[in-house]
Amino acid sequence: MRVAVLFSGGKDSTYSLQWAVDQGHEVVCLLTVISERTDSYMYQVHGIGLASFIAEALGYPQIVVETTGEKEEELLPLREALGELEIDGVVSGAIRSTYQKNRIDLICEQLGLESFSPLWHTGMGRIDGMVEDGYEIMIVAVASMGLGPEWLGRTLDIPDLEELQELEREYGMNPDGEGGEFETSVLYGPGYSKRVTIVESEAVWERDSGHLSIKKAVLEEVS
């Protein structure tokens, strides 16, 4: 089946891309939506500029769609872009957000496409398996009690995942980040021909949340 993968470069969309490949689907493109608003209901905002580097490292064509980020209206550019593609289905990385999944499902229904969400209700979102498989998952934004500035720019390892589960027990946060607790970018892993390297960045912190502002990134050959 020919599919488009909704792709932010984060852990969930990266996992979903690999799932599509493993299922034997033909990945026609990675579709990245860039929102003008930082509080989009649908799309990842922080670290989204790295998605083009990651798509190139993975060797897939990327389509970039821009949206104002206004609630509900931010879906229209996505629907229009998908309607122009010769595909049979859409793959997304939704884990818990019924709001996101229902709207993607509706767009697919309107366009006569299959909707795939391989991570739906999978707990930690397979992040532990991704770390064990060698994916370099960097936290680019945090917005939750227990997650301070020290988490920004951190590449997750197994002890970090255990700490996230401890924070779930203490604060009730989602350890998969689906509730907006944190956002990620996957800089390297299986299938990458090059590694995404952050050359210059700045941690931006406001009250109880923050993000990593990426000033410069490059693709580096892997020895």
N, C-alpha and C. Protein backbone atom coordinates (compact mmCIF):
# COMPACT_ATOMS: atom_id res chain seq x y z
N MET A 1 0.84 -1.19 0.00
CA MET A 1 0.00 0.00 0.00
C MET A 1 0.88 1.24 0.00
N ARG A 2 0.51 2.22 -0.80
CA ARG A 2 1.26 3.48 -0.87
C ARG A 2 0.76 4.41 0.25
N VAL A 3 1.69 4.87 1.08
CA VAL A 3 1.29 5.68 2.24
C VAL A 3 2.13 6.93 2.35
N ALA A 4 1.54 7.93 2.99
CA ALA A 4 2.27 9.12 3.44
C ALA A 4 2.37 9.03 4.95
N VAL A 5 3.51 9.41 5.50
CA VAL A 5 3.72 9.39 6.94
C VAL A 5 3.72 10.82 7.46
N LEU A 6 2.84 11.11 8.41
CA LEU A 6 2.86 12.43 9.05
C LEU A 6 4.10 12.48 9.93
N PHE A 7 4.99 13.43 9.66
CA PHE A 7 6.34 13.34 10.19
C PHE A 7 6.83 14.63 10.80
N SER A 8 7.11 14.59 12.11
CA SER A 8 7.68 15.74 12.81
C SER A 8 9.17 15.55 13.08
N GLY A 9 9.66 14.33 12.89
CA GLY A 9 11.04 14.01 13.26
C GLY A 9 11.16 13.57 14.70
N GLY A 10 10.03 13.55 15.44
CA GLY A 10 10.03 13.09 16.82
C GLY A 10 9.96 11.57 16.90
N LYS A 11 10.01 11.07 18.12
CA LYS A 11 10.08 9.62 18.34
C LYS A 11 8.86 8.89 17.79
N ASP A 12 7.66 9.46 17.95
CA ASP A 12 6.45 8.75 17.55
C ASP A 12 6.32 8.64 16.04
N SER A 13 6.59 9.72 15.32
CA SER A 13 6.49 9.65 13.86
C SER A 13 7.63 8.82 13.28
N THR A 14 8.79 8.86 13.93
CA THR A 14 9.92 8.04 13.45
C THR A 14 9.62 6.56 13.63
N TYR A 15 9.06 6.21 14.78
CA TYR A 15 8.67 4.81 15.00
C TYR A 15 7.61 4.40 13.98
N SER A 16 6.63 5.26 13.75
CA SER A 16 5.54 4.92 12.83
C SER A 16 6.04 4.75 11.40
N LEU A 17 7.03 5.56 11.03
CA LEU A 17 7.65 5.39 9.72
C LEU A 17 8.29 4.01 9.60
N GLN A 18 9.05 3.61 10.61
CA GLN A 18 9.69 2.30 10.57
C GLN A 18 8.65 1.18 10.57
N TRP A 19 7.56 1.38 11.28
CA TRP A 19 6.47 0.40 11.27
C TRP A 19 5.92 0.22 9.86
N ALA A 20 5.70 1.33 9.17
CA ALA A 20 5.17 1.27 7.81
C ALA A 20 6.10 0.48 6.89
N VAL A 21 7.40 0.74 7.03
CA VAL A 21 8.39 0.01 6.22
C VAL A 21 8.36 -1.48 6.56
N ASP A 22 8.32 -1.79 7.85
CA ASP A 22 8.31 -3.19 8.28
C ASP A 22 7.06 -3.92 7.81
N GLN A 23 5.96 -3.18 7.66
CA GLN A 23 4.71 -3.79 7.19
C GLN A 23 4.69 -3.97 5.68
N GLY A 24 5.72 -3.49 5.01
CA GLY A 24 5.80 -3.66 3.56
C GLY A 24 5.11 -2.57 2.77
N HIS A 25 4.71 -1.47 3.44
CA HIS A 25 4.08 -0.37 2.71
C HIS A 25 5.14 0.44 1.95
N GLU A 26 4.72 1.04 0.87
CA GLU A 26 5.60 1.93 0.12
C GLU A 26 5.41 3.35 0.66
N VAL A 27 6.45 3.89 1.25
CA VAL A 27 6.38 5.25 1.80
C VAL A 27 6.63 6.24 0.68
N VAL A 28 5.57 6.90 0.27
CA VAL A 28 5.65 7.85 -0.84
C VAL A 28 6.36 9.13 -0.40
N CYS A 29 6.05 9.58 0.81
CA CYS A 29 6.66 10.82 1.30
C CYS A 29 6.46 10.95 2.80
N LEU A 30 7.23 11.83 3.38
CA LEU A 30 7.03 12.26 4.75
C LEU A 30 6.38 13.65 4.68
N LEU A 31 5.27 13.82 5.38
CA LEU A 31 4.54 15.07 5.32
C LEU A 31 4.67 15.80 6.66
N THR A 32 5.29 16.96 6.61
CA THR A 32 5.56 17.74 7.82
C THR A 32 4.73 19.01 7.81
N VAL A 33 3.99 19.22 8.89
CA VAL A 33 3.18 20.43 9.02
C VAL A 33 3.87 21.39 9.98
N ILE A 34 4.07 22.61 9.53
CA ILE A 34 4.70 23.65 10.35
C ILE A 34 3.65 24.68 10.73
N SER A 35 3.42 24.83 12.03
CA SER A 35 2.40 25.74 12.53
C SER A 35 3.01 27.07 12.92
N GLU A 36 2.26 28.14 12.67
CA GLU A 36 2.71 29.47 13.08
C GLU A 36 2.56 29.67 14.58
N ARG A 37 1.69 28.89 15.20
CA ARG A 37 1.43 29.03 16.63
C ARG A 37 2.26 28.02 17.43
N THR A 38 2.65 28.43 18.62
CA THR A 38 3.41 27.52 19.47
C THR A 38 2.50 26.65 20.33
N ASP A 39 1.18 26.90 20.28
CA ASP A 39 0.25 26.11 21.07
C ASP A 39 -0.72 25.33 20.19
N SER A 40 -0.21 24.80 19.08
CA SER A 40 -1.04 24.03 18.16
C SER A 40 -1.66 22.83 18.86
N TYR A 41 -2.93 22.57 18.56
CA TYR A 41 -3.62 21.41 19.11
C TYR A 41 -3.20 20.12 18.41
N MET A 42 -2.70 20.25 17.19
CA MET A 42 -2.48 19.07 16.35
C MET A 42 -1.03 18.70 16.14
N TYR A 43 -0.14 19.69 16.06
CA TYR A 43 1.19 19.43 15.52
C TYR A 43 2.30 19.78 16.50
N GLN A 44 3.40 19.04 16.38
CA GLN A 44 4.59 19.38 17.15
C GLN A 44 5.17 20.68 16.61
N VAL A 45 5.60 21.53 17.52
CA VAL A 45 6.13 22.83 17.13
C VAL A 45 7.64 22.90 17.34
N HIS A 46 8.09 22.60 18.55
CA HIS A 46 9.51 22.74 18.87
C HIS A 46 10.32 21.60 18.22
N GLY A 47 11.43 22.00 17.62
CA GLY A 47 12.29 21.03 16.95
C GLY A 47 11.82 20.66 15.56
N ILE A 48 10.71 21.27 15.10
CA ILE A 48 10.16 20.88 13.80
C ILE A 48 11.11 21.23 12.65
N GLY A 49 11.98 22.22 12.87
CA GLY A 49 12.94 22.58 11.83
C GLY A 49 13.96 21.49 11.55
N LEU A 50 14.10 20.55 12.48
CA LEU A 50 15.04 19.44 12.27
C LEU A 50 14.45 18.34 11.38
N ALA A 51 13.14 18.39 11.15
CA ALA A 51 12.49 17.33 10.38
C ALA A 51 13.07 17.18 8.97
N SER A 52 13.44 18.30 8.36
CA SER A 52 13.99 18.24 7.00
C SER A 52 15.35 17.54 7.00
N PHE A 53 16.17 17.79 8.03
CA PHE A 53 17.45 17.11 8.15
C PHE A 53 17.24 15.61 8.34
N ILE A 54 16.28 15.28 9.20
CA ILE A 54 16.02 13.87 9.49
C ILE A 54 15.48 13.15 8.26
N ALA A 55 14.58 13.80 7.52
CA ALA A 55 14.04 13.20 6.30
C ALA A 55 15.15 12.93 5.30
N GLU A 56 16.08 13.87 5.17
CA GLU A 56 17.21 13.67 4.24
C GLU A 56 18.10 12.54 4.71
N ALA A 57 18.34 12.48 6.03
CA ALA A 57 19.18 11.41 6.57
C ALA A 57 18.55 10.04 6.35
N LEU A 58 17.22 10.01 6.35
CA LEU A 58 16.50 8.75 6.14
C LEU A 58 16.30 8.43 4.66
N GLY A 59 16.47 9.44 3.81
CA GLY A 59 16.39 9.20 2.37
C GLY A 59 14.99 9.22 1.80
N TYR A 60 14.06 9.94 2.46
CA TYR A 60 12.69 10.01 1.96
C TYR A 60 12.36 11.43 1.50
N PRO A 61 11.56 11.54 0.43
CA PRO A 61 11.12 12.88 0.03
C PRO A 61 10.19 13.45 1.10
N GLN A 62 10.28 14.76 1.29
CA GLN A 62 9.48 15.43 2.31
C GLN A 62 8.61 16.51 1.68
N ILE A 63 7.39 16.57 2.13
CA ILE A 63 6.49 17.65 1.76
C ILE A 63 6.24 18.48 3.01
N VAL A 64 6.46 19.78 2.91
CA VAL A 64 6.26 20.69 4.04
C VAL A 64 5.00 21.51 3.80
N VAL A 65 4.12 21.49 4.78
CA VAL A 65 2.86 22.24 4.71
C VAL A 65 2.84 23.25 5.84
N GLU A 66 2.49 24.48 5.53
CA GLU A 66 2.41 25.51 6.56
C GLU A 66 0.96 25.78 6.93
N THR A 67 0.75 26.07 8.21
CA THR A 67 -0.60 26.36 8.69
C THR A 67 -0.54 27.47 9.73
N THR A 68 -1.64 28.20 9.87
CA THR A 68 -1.70 29.28 10.85
C THR A 68 -1.74 28.73 12.27
N GLY A 69 -2.18 27.51 12.42
CA GLY A 69 -2.27 26.92 13.76
C GLY A 69 -3.58 27.20 14.47
N GLU A 70 -4.51 27.88 13.80
CA GLU A 70 -5.81 28.14 14.41
C GLU A 70 -6.57 26.83 14.55
N LYS A 71 -7.20 26.63 15.71
CA LYS A 71 -7.91 25.39 15.98
C LYS A 71 -8.90 25.08 14.88
N GLU A 72 -8.93 23.82 14.45
CA GLU A 72 -9.76 23.28 13.38
C GLU A 72 -9.29 23.76 12.00
N GLU A 73 -9.08 25.06 11.84
CA GLU A 73 -8.63 25.57 10.54
C GLU A 73 -7.24 25.04 10.19
N GLU A 74 -6.44 24.68 11.20
CA GLU A 74 -5.10 24.17 10.94
C GLU A 74 -5.12 22.81 10.25
N LEU A 75 -6.29 22.19 10.16
CA LEU A 75 -6.42 20.90 9.49
C LEU A 75 -6.55 21.03 7.98
N LEU A 76 -7.00 22.19 7.52
CA LEU A 76 -7.31 22.36 6.10
C LEU A 76 -6.08 22.19 5.19
N PRO A 77 -4.93 22.80 5.50
CA PRO A 77 -3.76 22.59 4.64
C PRO A 77 -3.32 21.13 4.59
N LEU A 78 -3.45 20.41 5.72
CA LEU A 78 -3.11 18.99 5.74
C LEU A 78 -4.03 18.20 4.82
N ARG A 79 -5.32 18.46 4.92
CA ARG A 79 -6.28 17.75 4.07
C ARG A 79 -6.01 18.03 2.59
N GLU A 80 -5.73 19.30 2.27
CA GLU A 80 -5.46 19.67 0.88
C GLU A 80 -4.21 18.96 0.35
N ALA A 81 -3.17 18.92 1.17
CA ALA A 81 -1.92 18.29 0.74
C ALA A 81 -2.10 16.79 0.53
N LEU A 82 -2.82 16.14 1.44
CA LEU A 82 -3.04 14.70 1.31
C LEU A 82 -3.91 14.39 0.08
N GLY A 83 -4.85 15.28 -0.20
CA GLY A 83 -5.74 15.07 -1.34
C GLY A 83 -5.03 15.14 -2.68
N GLU A 84 -3.85 15.75 -2.70
CA GLU A 84 -3.10 15.89 -3.96
C GLU A 84 -2.15 14.72 -4.20
N LEU A 85 -2.02 13.83 -3.21
CA LEU A 85 -1.08 12.71 -3.32
C LEU A 85 -1.75 11.45 -3.87
N GLU A 86 -0.98 10.68 -4.60
CA GLU A 86 -1.47 9.38 -5.08
C GLU A 86 -1.09 8.31 -4.06
N ILE A 87 -1.91 8.23 -3.02
CA ILE A 87 -1.63 7.30 -1.92
C ILE A 87 -2.89 6.53 -1.56
N ASP A 88 -2.69 5.49 -0.77
CA ASP A 88 -3.80 4.67 -0.30
C ASP A 88 -4.06 4.86 1.19
N GLY A 89 -3.07 5.39 1.91
CA GLY A 89 -3.23 5.51 3.35
C GLY A 89 -2.31 6.54 3.97
N VAL A 90 -2.58 6.83 5.24
CA VAL A 90 -1.82 7.81 6.01
C VAL A 90 -1.40 7.16 7.33
N VAL A 91 -0.14 7.35 7.69
CA VAL A 91 0.40 6.79 8.93
C VAL A 91 0.70 7.95 9.88
N SER A 92 0.20 7.84 11.11
CA SER A 92 0.46 8.89 12.10
C SER A 92 0.99 8.27 13.39
N GLY A 93 1.56 9.12 14.24
CA GLY A 93 2.18 8.65 15.47
C GLY A 93 1.34 8.89 16.71
N ALA A 94 0.03 9.03 16.55
CA ALA A 94 -0.84 9.29 17.70
C ALA A 94 -0.75 8.16 18.72
N ILE A 95 -0.66 8.53 20.00
CA ILE A 95 -0.59 7.54 21.08
C ILE A 95 -1.83 7.59 21.97
N ARG A 96 -2.14 8.80 22.47
CA ARG A 96 -3.25 8.95 23.40
C ARG A 96 -4.28 10.00 22.98
N SER A 97 -3.86 10.95 22.17
CA SER A 97 -4.72 12.10 21.88
C SER A 97 -5.88 11.72 20.96
N THR A 98 -7.06 11.59 21.56
CA THR A 98 -8.26 11.31 20.77
C THR A 98 -8.55 12.47 19.83
N TYR A 99 -8.26 13.69 20.29
CA TYR A 99 -8.47 14.87 19.45
C TYR A 99 -7.70 14.73 18.14
N GLN A 100 -6.41 14.39 18.23
CA GLN A 100 -5.59 14.27 17.03
C GLN A 100 -6.04 13.10 16.16
N LYS A 101 -6.21 11.94 16.77
CA LYS A 101 -6.53 10.74 16.00
C LYS A 101 -7.87 10.86 15.29
N ASN A 102 -8.87 11.39 15.99
CA ASN A 102 -10.19 11.51 15.37
C ASN A 102 -10.16 12.42 14.15
N ARG A 103 -9.37 13.46 14.22
CA ARG A 103 -9.32 14.39 13.10
C ARG A 103 -8.53 13.83 11.92
N ILE A 104 -7.49 13.10 12.21
CA ILE A 104 -6.76 12.44 11.13
C ILE A 104 -7.63 11.36 10.49
N ASP A 105 -8.33 10.59 11.32
CA ASP A 105 -9.24 9.57 10.80
C ASP A 105 -10.32 10.18 9.92
N LEU A 106 -10.86 11.33 10.34
CA LEU A 106 -11.92 11.98 9.57
C LEU A 106 -11.40 12.45 8.21
N ILE A 107 -10.21 13.05 8.20
CA ILE A 107 -9.63 13.49 6.93
C ILE A 107 -9.45 12.30 6.00
N CYS A 108 -8.95 11.20 6.54
CA CYS A 108 -8.74 10.00 5.72
C CYS A 108 -10.07 9.46 5.20
N GLU A 109 -11.09 9.47 6.03
CA GLU A 109 -12.41 9.01 5.60
C GLU A 109 -12.94 9.87 4.47
N GLN A 110 -12.77 11.18 4.59
CA GLN A 110 -13.24 12.10 3.55
C GLN A 110 -12.52 11.88 2.23
N LEU A 111 -11.24 11.49 2.32
CA LEU A 111 -10.43 11.31 1.10
C LEU A 111 -10.40 9.86 0.62
N GLY A 112 -11.06 8.97 1.34
CA GLY A 112 -11.07 7.57 0.94
C GLY A 112 -9.76 6.86 1.19
N LEU A 113 -9.07 7.25 2.27
CA LEU A 113 -7.76 6.69 2.59
C LEU A 113 -7.83 5.86 3.88
N GLU A 114 -6.95 4.89 3.99
CA GLU A 114 -6.80 4.14 5.24
C GLU A 114 -5.99 4.98 6.23
N SER A 115 -6.36 4.90 7.51
CA SER A 115 -5.64 5.61 8.55
C SER A 115 -4.98 4.61 9.48
N PHE A 116 -3.66 4.73 9.63
CA PHE A 116 -2.89 3.82 10.48
C PHE A 116 -2.26 4.59 11.63
N SER A 117 -2.47 4.11 12.85
CA SER A 117 -1.83 4.70 14.05
C SER A 117 -1.23 3.56 14.87
N PRO A 118 -0.06 3.09 14.49
CA PRO A 118 0.51 1.89 15.10
C PRO A 118 0.86 2.03 16.58
N LEU A 119 0.93 3.26 17.09
CA LEU A 119 1.29 3.47 18.48
C LEU A 119 0.08 3.68 19.39
N TRP A 120 -1.11 3.63 18.80
CA TRP A 120 -2.31 3.98 19.56
C TRP A 120 -2.46 3.11 20.80
N HIS A 121 -2.48 3.77 21.96
CA HIS A 121 -2.66 3.13 23.27
C HIS A 121 -1.59 2.08 23.55
N THR A 122 -0.34 2.44 23.28
CA THR A 122 0.77 1.51 23.54
C THR A 122 1.61 1.95 24.74
N GLY A 123 1.03 2.68 25.66
CA GLY A 123 1.76 3.03 26.88
C GLY A 123 2.92 3.97 26.62
N MET A 124 4.13 3.51 26.83
CA MET A 124 5.33 4.33 26.65
C MET A 124 5.63 4.63 25.19
N GLY A 125 4.77 4.17 24.30
CA GLY A 125 4.96 4.49 22.89
C GLY A 125 6.16 3.83 22.26
N ARG A 126 6.58 2.68 22.84
CA ARG A 126 7.71 1.91 22.30
C ARG A 126 9.03 2.65 22.42
N ILE A 127 9.06 3.71 23.21
CA ILE A 127 10.29 4.50 23.31
C ILE A 127 11.43 3.69 23.89
N ASP A 128 11.10 2.78 24.82
CA ASP A 128 12.16 1.97 25.42
C ASP A 128 12.81 1.08 24.38
N GLY A 129 12.01 0.47 23.51
CA GLY A 129 12.56 -0.36 22.45
C GLY A 129 13.38 0.43 21.46
N MET A 130 12.96 1.67 21.19
CA MET A 130 13.71 2.52 20.26
C MET A 130 15.09 2.83 20.82
N VAL A 131 15.14 3.15 22.13
CA VAL A 131 16.43 3.43 22.75
C VAL A 131 17.33 2.21 22.69
N GLU A 132 16.77 1.04 22.98
CA GLU A 132 17.55 -0.20 22.94
C GLU A 132 18.03 -0.52 21.52
N ASP A 133 17.26 -0.09 20.51
CA ASP A 133 17.63 -0.34 19.12
C ASP A 133 18.63 0.67 18.58
N GLY A 134 19.00 1.65 19.39
CA GLY A 134 20.03 2.59 18.98
C GLY A 134 19.55 3.93 18.46
N TYR A 135 18.27 4.23 18.62
CA TYR A 135 17.78 5.55 18.21
C TYR A 135 18.26 6.60 19.22
N GLU A 136 18.76 7.71 18.70
CA GLU A 136 19.20 8.82 19.54
C GLU A 136 18.06 9.83 19.62
N ILE A 137 17.33 9.78 20.73
CA ILE A 137 16.12 10.58 20.90
C ILE A 137 16.44 11.74 21.84
N MET A 138 16.41 12.95 21.30
CA MET A 138 16.75 14.13 22.08
C MET A 138 15.50 14.90 22.48
N ILE A 139 15.43 15.31 23.72
CA ILE A 139 14.31 16.13 24.20
C ILE A 139 14.55 17.58 23.78
N VAL A 140 13.56 18.15 23.08
CA VAL A 140 13.69 19.52 22.57
C VAL A 140 12.74 20.48 23.25
N ALA A 141 11.82 19.97 24.08
CA ALA A 141 10.91 20.84 24.81
C ALA A 141 10.34 20.08 26.00
N VAL A 142 10.08 20.79 27.09
CA VAL A 142 9.45 20.19 28.27
C VAL A 142 8.39 21.15 28.80
N ALA A 143 7.32 20.58 29.36
CA ALA A 143 6.26 21.39 29.95
C ALA A 143 5.51 20.52 30.96
N SER A 144 6.18 20.18 32.05
CA SER A 144 5.56 19.32 33.06
C SER A 144 6.30 19.46 34.37
N MET A 145 5.59 19.31 35.47
CA MET A 145 6.23 19.27 36.77
C MET A 145 7.21 18.11 36.81
N GLY A 146 8.40 18.36 37.33
CA GLY A 146 9.43 17.33 37.41
C GLY A 146 10.43 17.38 36.28
N LEU A 147 10.07 18.09 35.21
CA LEU A 147 10.98 18.21 34.06
C LEU A 147 11.52 19.64 34.02
N GLY A 148 12.77 19.79 34.45
CA GLY A 148 13.38 21.11 34.49
C GLY A 148 14.29 21.36 33.31
N PRO A 149 15.02 22.48 33.32
CA PRO A 149 15.92 22.84 32.22
C PRO A 149 16.97 21.78 31.92
N GLU A 150 17.32 20.97 32.93
CA GLU A 150 18.36 19.95 32.74
C GLU A 150 17.94 18.87 31.72
N TRP A 151 16.65 18.80 31.42
CA TRP A 151 16.18 17.80 30.44
C TRP A 151 16.34 18.29 29.00
N LEU A 152 16.43 19.59 28.79
CA LEU A 152 16.53 20.11 27.43
C LEU A 152 17.85 19.71 26.79
N GLY A 153 17.77 19.13 25.60
CA GLY A 153 18.96 18.69 24.90
C GLY A 153 19.46 17.33 25.34
N ARG A 154 18.76 16.69 26.25
CA ARG A 154 19.20 15.38 26.75
C ARG A 154 18.84 14.29 25.76
N THR A 155 19.81 13.42 25.47
CA THR A 155 19.55 12.25 24.64
C THR A 155 19.17 11.10 25.56
N LEU A 156 17.98 10.57 25.38
CA LEU A 156 17.42 9.62 26.33
C LEU A 156 18.15 8.28 26.35
N ASP A 157 18.35 7.78 27.58
CA ASP A 157 18.86 6.41 27.76
C ASP A 157 17.90 5.68 28.70
N ILE A 158 18.19 4.43 29.00
CA ILE A 158 17.28 3.63 29.81
C ILE A 158 17.06 4.22 31.20
N PRO A 159 18.12 4.69 31.91
CA PRO A 159 17.88 5.34 33.20
C PRO A 159 16.95 6.56 33.10
N ASP A 160 17.04 7.31 32.00
CA ASP A 160 16.14 8.44 31.81
C ASP A 160 14.69 7.97 31.71
N LEU A 161 14.47 6.88 31.00
CA LEU A 161 13.12 6.35 30.85
C LEU A 161 12.58 5.87 32.19
N GLU A 162 13.44 5.29 32.98
CA GLU A 162 13.03 4.86 34.31
C GLU A 162 12.67 6.07 35.17
N GLU A 163 13.41 7.16 34.99
CA GLU A 163 13.12 8.38 35.73
C GLU A 163 11.78 8.97 35.30
N LEU A 164 11.47 8.90 34.02
CA LEU A 164 10.18 9.38 33.53
C LEU A 164 9.03 8.59 34.15
N GLN A 165 9.23 7.30 34.32
CA GLN A 165 8.20 6.48 34.94
C GLN A 165 8.04 6.84 36.41
N GLU A 166 9.14 7.20 37.06
CA GLU A 166 9.06 7.66 38.45
C GLU A 166 8.28 8.98 38.52
N LEU A 167 8.51 9.85 37.56
CA LEU A 167 7.79 11.12 37.53
C LEU A 167 6.31 10.90 37.26
N GLU A 168 5.98 9.86 36.50
CA GLU A 168 4.58 9.52 36.28
C GLU A 168 3.91 9.17 37.61
N ARG A 169 4.59 8.38 38.41
CA ARG A 169 4.03 7.99 39.71
C ARG A 169 3.93 9.18 40.66
N GLU A 170 4.89 10.11 40.56
CA GLU A 170 4.91 11.24 41.47
C GLU A 170 3.97 12.36 41.07
N TYR A 171 3.93 12.66 39.77
CA TYR A 171 3.17 13.81 39.30
C TYR A 171 1.98 13.46 38.42
N GLY A 172 1.88 12.20 37.98
CA GLY A 172 0.78 11.82 37.11
C GLY A 172 0.98 12.20 35.65
N MET A 173 2.19 12.53 35.27
CA MET A 173 2.48 12.90 33.88
C MET A 173 2.51 11.66 32.99
N ASN A 174 2.34 11.88 31.69
CA ASN A 174 2.45 10.78 30.73
C ASN A 174 3.92 10.57 30.39
N PRO A 175 4.49 9.39 30.67
CA PRO A 175 5.91 9.17 30.39
C PRO A 175 6.23 9.05 28.90
N ASP A 176 5.18 9.01 28.06
CA ASP A 176 5.41 9.00 26.62
C ASP A 176 5.37 10.41 26.03
N GLY A 177 5.01 11.40 26.86
CA GLY A 177 5.01 12.79 26.40
C GLY A 177 3.81 13.19 25.57
N GLU A 178 2.85 12.31 25.42
CA GLU A 178 1.71 12.59 24.54
C GLU A 178 0.85 13.72 25.07
N GLY A 179 0.91 13.99 26.36
CA GLY A 179 0.13 15.08 26.92
C GLY A 179 0.82 16.42 26.83
N GLY A 180 1.90 16.49 26.05
CA GLY A 180 2.65 17.74 25.91
C GLY A 180 3.74 17.90 26.94
N GLU A 181 3.98 16.83 27.75
CA GLU A 181 5.01 16.91 28.79
C GLU A 181 6.40 17.15 28.20
N PHE A 182 6.67 16.54 27.07
CA PHE A 182 7.94 16.79 26.39
C PHE A 182 7.81 16.47 24.91
N GLU A 183 8.70 17.06 24.12
CA GLU A 183 8.76 16.80 22.69
C GLU A 183 10.17 16.38 22.33
N THR A 184 10.29 15.60 21.26
CA THR A 184 11.59 15.02 20.92
C THR A 184 11.92 15.18 19.44
N SER A 185 13.20 15.02 19.15
CA SER A 185 13.69 14.89 17.78
C SER A 185 14.66 13.71 17.76
N VAL A 186 14.54 12.87 16.74
CA VAL A 186 15.38 11.68 16.64
C VAL A 186 16.55 11.99 15.71
N LEU A 187 17.72 12.11 16.27
CA LEU A 187 18.88 12.59 15.52
C LEU A 187 19.61 11.50 14.75
N TYR A 188 19.44 10.26 15.19
CA TYR A 188 20.13 9.16 14.51
C TYR A 188 19.48 7.85 14.92
N GLY A 189 19.65 6.84 14.07
CA GLY A 189 19.12 5.53 14.39
C GLY A 189 19.15 4.62 13.19
N PRO A 190 18.56 3.42 13.30
CA PRO A 190 18.52 2.48 12.18
C PRO A 190 17.89 3.12 10.94
N GLY A 191 18.52 2.92 9.80
CA GLY A 191 18.02 3.48 8.56
C GLY A 191 18.57 4.85 8.20
N TYR A 192 19.28 5.50 9.14
CA TYR A 192 19.85 6.82 8.87
C TYR A 192 21.17 6.65 8.11
N SER A 193 21.34 7.42 7.05
CA SER A 193 22.61 7.41 6.33
C SER A 193 23.59 8.41 6.94
N LYS A 194 23.06 9.40 7.67
CA LYS A 194 23.88 10.41 8.33
C LYS A 194 23.28 10.72 9.69
N ARG A 195 24.07 11.37 10.54
CA ARG A 195 23.60 11.79 11.86
C ARG A 195 23.30 13.29 11.84
N VAL A 196 22.18 13.66 12.44
CA VAL A 196 21.86 15.08 12.61
C VAL A 196 22.61 15.58 13.84
N THR A 197 23.42 16.60 13.65
CA THR A 197 24.21 17.15 14.75
C THR A 197 23.81 18.60 15.01
N ILE A 198 23.51 18.89 16.26
CA ILE A 198 23.17 20.26 16.65
C ILE A 198 24.47 21.02 16.89
N VAL A 199 24.71 22.02 16.08
CA VAL A 199 25.94 22.81 16.18
C VAL A 199 25.77 23.97 17.16
N GLU A 200 24.62 24.60 17.12
CA GLU A 200 24.38 25.75 17.99
C GLU A 200 22.92 25.74 18.43
N SER A 201 22.70 25.89 19.72
CA SER A 201 21.33 25.92 20.25
C SER A 201 21.29 26.78 21.51
N GLU A 202 20.10 27.13 21.91
CA GLU A 202 19.91 27.94 23.11
C GLU A 202 18.70 27.41 23.87
N ALA A 203 18.88 27.19 25.16
CA ALA A 203 17.76 26.77 26.00
C ALA A 203 16.94 27.99 26.38
N VAL A 204 15.65 27.94 26.07
CA VAL A 204 14.74 29.04 26.37
C VAL A 204 13.78 28.56 27.44
N TRP A 205 13.77 29.24 28.58
CA TRP A 205 12.94 28.80 29.71
C TRP A 205 12.03 29.93 30.15
N GLU A 206 10.73 29.61 30.28
CA GLU A 206 9.75 30.59 30.73
C GLU A 206 8.85 29.95 31.78
N ARG A 207 8.91 30.46 32.99
CA ARG A 207 8.11 29.97 34.11
C ARG A 207 8.35 28.48 34.33
N ASP A 208 7.41 27.62 33.94
CA ASP A 208 7.57 26.19 34.23
C ASP A 208 7.70 25.34 32.97
N SER A 209 8.11 25.93 31.87
CA SER A 209 8.30 25.17 30.63
C SER A 209 9.45 25.78 29.82
N GLY A 210 9.98 25.02 28.89
CA GLY A 210 11.08 25.52 28.08
C GLY A 210 11.27 24.71 26.82
N HIS A 211 12.09 25.23 25.94
CA HIS A 211 12.40 24.50 24.71
C HIS A 211 13.82 24.83 24.26
N LEU A 212 14.31 23.99 23.39
CA LEU A 212 15.64 24.18 22.83
C LEU A 212 15.49 24.89 21.48
N SER A 213 16.00 26.10 21.42
CA SER A 213 15.96 26.85 20.16
C SER A 213 17.17 26.46 19.33
N ILE A 214 16.92 25.80 18.21
CA ILE A 214 18.01 25.31 17.36
C ILE A 214 18.48 26.42 16.43
N LYS A 215 19.72 26.85 16.60
CA LYS A 215 20.27 27.91 15.76
C LYS A 215 20.93 27.36 14.50
N LYS A 216 21.59 26.20 14.65
CA LYS A 216 22.28 25.60 13.50
C LYS A 216 22.37 24.09 13.69
N ALA A 217 22.08 23.37 12.62
CA ALA A 217 22.23 21.91 12.62
C ALA A 217 22.83 21.48 11.29
N VAL A 218 23.54 20.37 11.30
CA VAL A 218 24.16 19.84 10.09
C VAL A 218 24.00 18.32 10.04
N LEU A 219 24.18 17.77 8.86
CA LEU A 219 24.23 16.32 8.69
C LEU A 219 25.68 15.89 8.62
N GLU A 220 26.03 14.90 9.41
CA GLU A 220 27.40 14.42 9.44
C GLU A 220 27.48 12.95 9.02
N GLU A 221 28.55 12.63 8.30
CA GLU A 221 28.77 11.26 7.90
C GLU A 221 29.00 10.39 9.15
N VAL A 222 28.55 9.15 9.06
CA VAL A 222 28.70 8.22 10.17
C VAL A 222 29.86 7.30 9.87
N SER A 223 30.83 7.24 10.76
CA SER A 223 32.02 6.41 10.52
C SER A 223 31.72 4.96 10.86
